[in-house]
Amino acid sequence: MTTPAPDCVVLDIPQGLRLNLLGLVVEIGPVRILADRAGLLGNLVASLTCGGVAAAARET
């Protein structure tokens, strides 16, 4: 039985983000973007940010 590949976290901002853009305040809550290796775009992003399939195999 194979274990699933660990999540590839592309961006993680757990505390949220607050930007003051010349008086326009933008608040964003917690942000977490994951790349799903099963999808075409997710696989591409995961290979660029977390390494390819070989890197995922080494982590397990």
N, C-alpha and C. Protein backbone atom coordinates (compact mmCIF):
# COMPACT_ATOMS: atom_id res chain seq x y z
N MET A 1 0.84 -1.18 0.00
CA MET A 1 0.00 0.00 0.00
C MET A 1 0.89 1.24 0.00
N THR A 2 0.60 2.17 -0.89
CA THR A 2 1.40 3.38 -0.97
C THR A 2 0.78 4.48 -0.12
N THR A 3 1.64 5.32 0.42
CA THR A 3 1.15 6.45 1.21
C THR A 3 0.99 7.64 0.27
N PRO A 4 -0.01 8.46 0.51
CA PRO A 4 -0.19 9.62 -0.37
C PRO A 4 0.94 10.62 -0.18
N ALA A 5 1.24 11.35 -1.24
CA ALA A 5 2.29 12.37 -1.18
C ALA A 5 1.86 13.47 -0.20
N PRO A 6 2.80 14.03 0.53
CA PRO A 6 2.45 15.10 1.46
C PRO A 6 1.96 16.33 0.70
N ASP A 7 1.17 17.15 1.38
CA ASP A 7 0.68 18.38 0.76
C ASP A 7 1.83 19.27 0.35
N CYS A 8 1.70 19.87 -0.81
CA CYS A 8 2.68 20.84 -1.28
C CYS A 8 2.11 22.22 -0.99
N VAL A 9 2.61 22.85 0.05
CA VAL A 9 2.12 24.17 0.44
C VAL A 9 2.86 25.21 -0.38
N VAL A 10 2.13 25.92 -1.23
CA VAL A 10 2.72 26.94 -2.08
C VAL A 10 2.82 28.26 -1.32
N LEU A 11 1.77 28.60 -0.57
CA LEU A 11 1.75 29.85 0.19
C LEU A 11 0.97 29.62 1.47
N ASP A 12 1.53 30.03 2.60
CA ASP A 12 0.86 29.86 3.88
C ASP A 12 1.03 31.14 4.70
N ILE A 13 -0.07 31.83 4.94
CA ILE A 13 -0.07 33.04 5.77
C ILE A 13 -1.12 32.80 6.86
N PRO A 14 -0.73 32.13 7.95
CA PRO A 14 -1.73 31.77 8.97
C PRO A 14 -2.28 32.96 9.75
N GLN A 15 -1.53 34.03 9.90
CA GLN A 15 -1.99 35.18 10.68
C GLN A 15 -2.82 36.14 9.85
N GLY A 16 -2.92 35.91 8.57
CA GLY A 16 -3.64 36.84 7.71
C GLY A 16 -2.71 37.94 7.24
N LEU A 17 -3.27 38.88 6.52
CA LEU A 17 -2.47 39.94 5.91
C LEU A 17 -3.26 41.24 5.97
N ARG A 18 -2.58 42.32 6.30
CA ARG A 18 -3.21 43.64 6.32
C ARG A 18 -2.34 44.59 5.52
N LEU A 19 -2.93 45.15 4.49
CA LEU A 19 -2.22 46.09 3.62
C LEU A 19 -2.88 47.45 3.70
N ASN A 20 -2.07 48.49 3.80
CA ASN A 20 -2.56 49.86 3.74
C ASN A 20 -2.00 50.46 2.46
N LEU A 21 -2.85 50.55 1.45
CA LEU A 21 -2.43 51.03 0.13
C LEU A 21 -2.92 52.47 -0.06
N LEU A 22 -2.12 53.42 0.39
CA LEU A 22 -2.44 54.84 0.26
C LEU A 22 -3.82 55.17 0.82
N GLY A 23 -4.11 54.63 1.99
CA GLY A 23 -5.37 54.91 2.66
C GLY A 23 -6.45 53.86 2.42
N LEU A 24 -6.26 52.99 1.47
CA LEU A 24 -7.20 51.90 1.24
C LEU A 24 -6.68 50.68 1.99
N VAL A 25 -7.38 50.29 3.05
CA VAL A 25 -6.94 49.19 3.90
C VAL A 25 -7.59 47.90 3.42
N VAL A 26 -6.75 46.91 3.16
CA VAL A 26 -7.22 45.61 2.71
C VAL A 26 -6.79 44.59 3.76
N GLU A 27 -7.75 43.87 4.33
CA GLU A 27 -7.45 42.82 5.30
C GLU A 27 -7.87 41.48 4.71
N ILE A 28 -6.97 40.54 4.77
CA ILE A 28 -7.23 39.19 4.27
C ILE A 28 -6.98 38.24 5.43
N GLY A 29 -7.92 37.34 5.66
CA GLY A 29 -7.78 36.35 6.73
C GLY A 29 -6.71 35.33 6.41
N PRO A 30 -6.68 34.25 7.16
CA PRO A 30 -5.67 33.22 6.91
C PRO A 30 -5.74 32.70 5.47
N VAL A 31 -4.57 32.57 4.88
CA VAL A 31 -4.47 32.12 3.48
C VAL A 31 -3.60 30.86 3.44
N ARG A 32 -4.07 29.85 2.74
CA ARG A 32 -3.27 28.64 2.54
C ARG A 32 -3.58 28.11 1.15
N ILE A 33 -2.58 28.07 0.31
CA ILE A 33 -2.74 27.57 -1.06
C ILE A 33 -1.94 26.29 -1.18
N LEU A 34 -2.63 25.22 -1.57
CA LEU A 34 -2.00 23.92 -1.74
C LEU A 34 -2.03 23.54 -3.22
N ALA A 35 -1.02 22.81 -3.65
CA ALA A 35 -0.98 22.31 -5.02
C ALA A 35 -1.33 20.83 -5.00
N ASP A 36 -2.38 20.46 -5.71
CA ASP A 36 -2.82 19.07 -5.81
C ASP A 36 -2.10 18.43 -6.99
N ARG A 37 -1.28 17.44 -6.70
CA ARG A 37 -0.50 16.80 -7.76
C ARG A 37 -1.35 16.02 -8.76
N ALA A 38 -2.63 15.77 -8.42
CA ALA A 38 -3.48 15.00 -9.32
C ALA A 38 -3.95 15.85 -10.51
N GLY A 39 -4.02 17.14 -10.35
CA GLY A 39 -4.47 18.01 -11.44
C GLY A 39 -3.30 18.51 -12.27
N LEU A 40 -3.58 18.94 -13.48
CA LEU A 40 -2.53 19.39 -14.40
C LEU A 40 -1.82 20.63 -13.87
N LEU A 41 -2.58 21.67 -13.51
CA LEU A 41 -1.97 22.89 -13.00
C LEU A 41 -1.32 22.66 -11.64
N GLY A 42 -2.00 21.91 -10.78
CA GLY A 42 -1.43 21.61 -9.46
C GLY A 42 -0.14 20.84 -9.56
N ASN A 43 -0.07 19.89 -10.48
CA ASN A 43 1.15 19.11 -10.68
C ASN A 43 2.28 20.00 -11.16
N LEU A 44 1.98 20.93 -12.08
CA LEU A 44 3.00 21.85 -12.58
C LEU A 44 3.52 22.75 -11.46
N VAL A 45 2.59 23.33 -10.68
CA VAL A 45 2.99 24.21 -9.58
C VAL A 45 3.77 23.43 -8.52
N ALA A 46 3.33 22.22 -8.20
CA ALA A 46 4.03 21.40 -7.20
C ALA A 46 5.42 21.05 -7.68
N SER A 47 5.59 20.75 -8.96
CA SER A 47 6.92 20.40 -9.45
C SER A 47 7.85 21.60 -9.43
N LEU A 48 7.30 22.81 -9.61
CA LEU A 48 8.14 24.00 -9.59
C LEU A 48 8.48 24.45 -8.18
N THR A 49 7.56 24.27 -7.23
CA THR A 49 7.78 24.78 -5.88
C THR A 49 8.25 23.73 -4.89
N CYS A 50 7.79 22.50 -5.03
CA CYS A 50 8.09 21.46 -4.06
C CYS A 50 8.96 20.35 -4.64
N GLY A 51 9.36 20.47 -5.86
CA GLY A 51 10.13 19.42 -6.50
C GLY A 51 9.21 18.49 -7.28
N GLY A 52 9.79 17.68 -8.11
CA GLY A 52 9.01 16.77 -8.95
C GLY A 52 8.55 15.54 -8.21
N VAL A 53 8.21 14.52 -8.97
CA VAL A 53 7.72 13.27 -8.40
C VAL A 53 8.80 12.60 -7.55
N ALA A 54 10.04 12.71 -7.98
CA ALA A 54 11.15 12.12 -7.21
C ALA A 54 11.26 12.78 -5.83
N ALA A 55 11.05 14.10 -5.76
CA ALA A 55 11.10 14.78 -4.46
C ALA A 55 9.97 14.33 -3.57
N ALA A 56 8.80 14.11 -4.13
CA ALA A 56 7.67 13.65 -3.32
C ALA A 56 7.94 12.24 -2.81
N ALA A 57 8.59 11.42 -3.62
CA ALA A 57 8.91 10.05 -3.20
C ALA A 57 9.95 10.06 -2.09
N ARG A 58 10.89 10.99 -2.12
CA ARG A 58 11.93 11.06 -1.08
C ARG A 58 11.34 11.48 0.26
N GLU A 59 10.27 12.28 0.25
CA GLU A 59 9.69 12.78 1.51
C GLU A 59 8.94 11.69 2.25
N THR A 60 8.51 10.64 1.58
CA THR A 60 7.73 9.60 2.25
C THR A 60 8.63 8.57 2.87
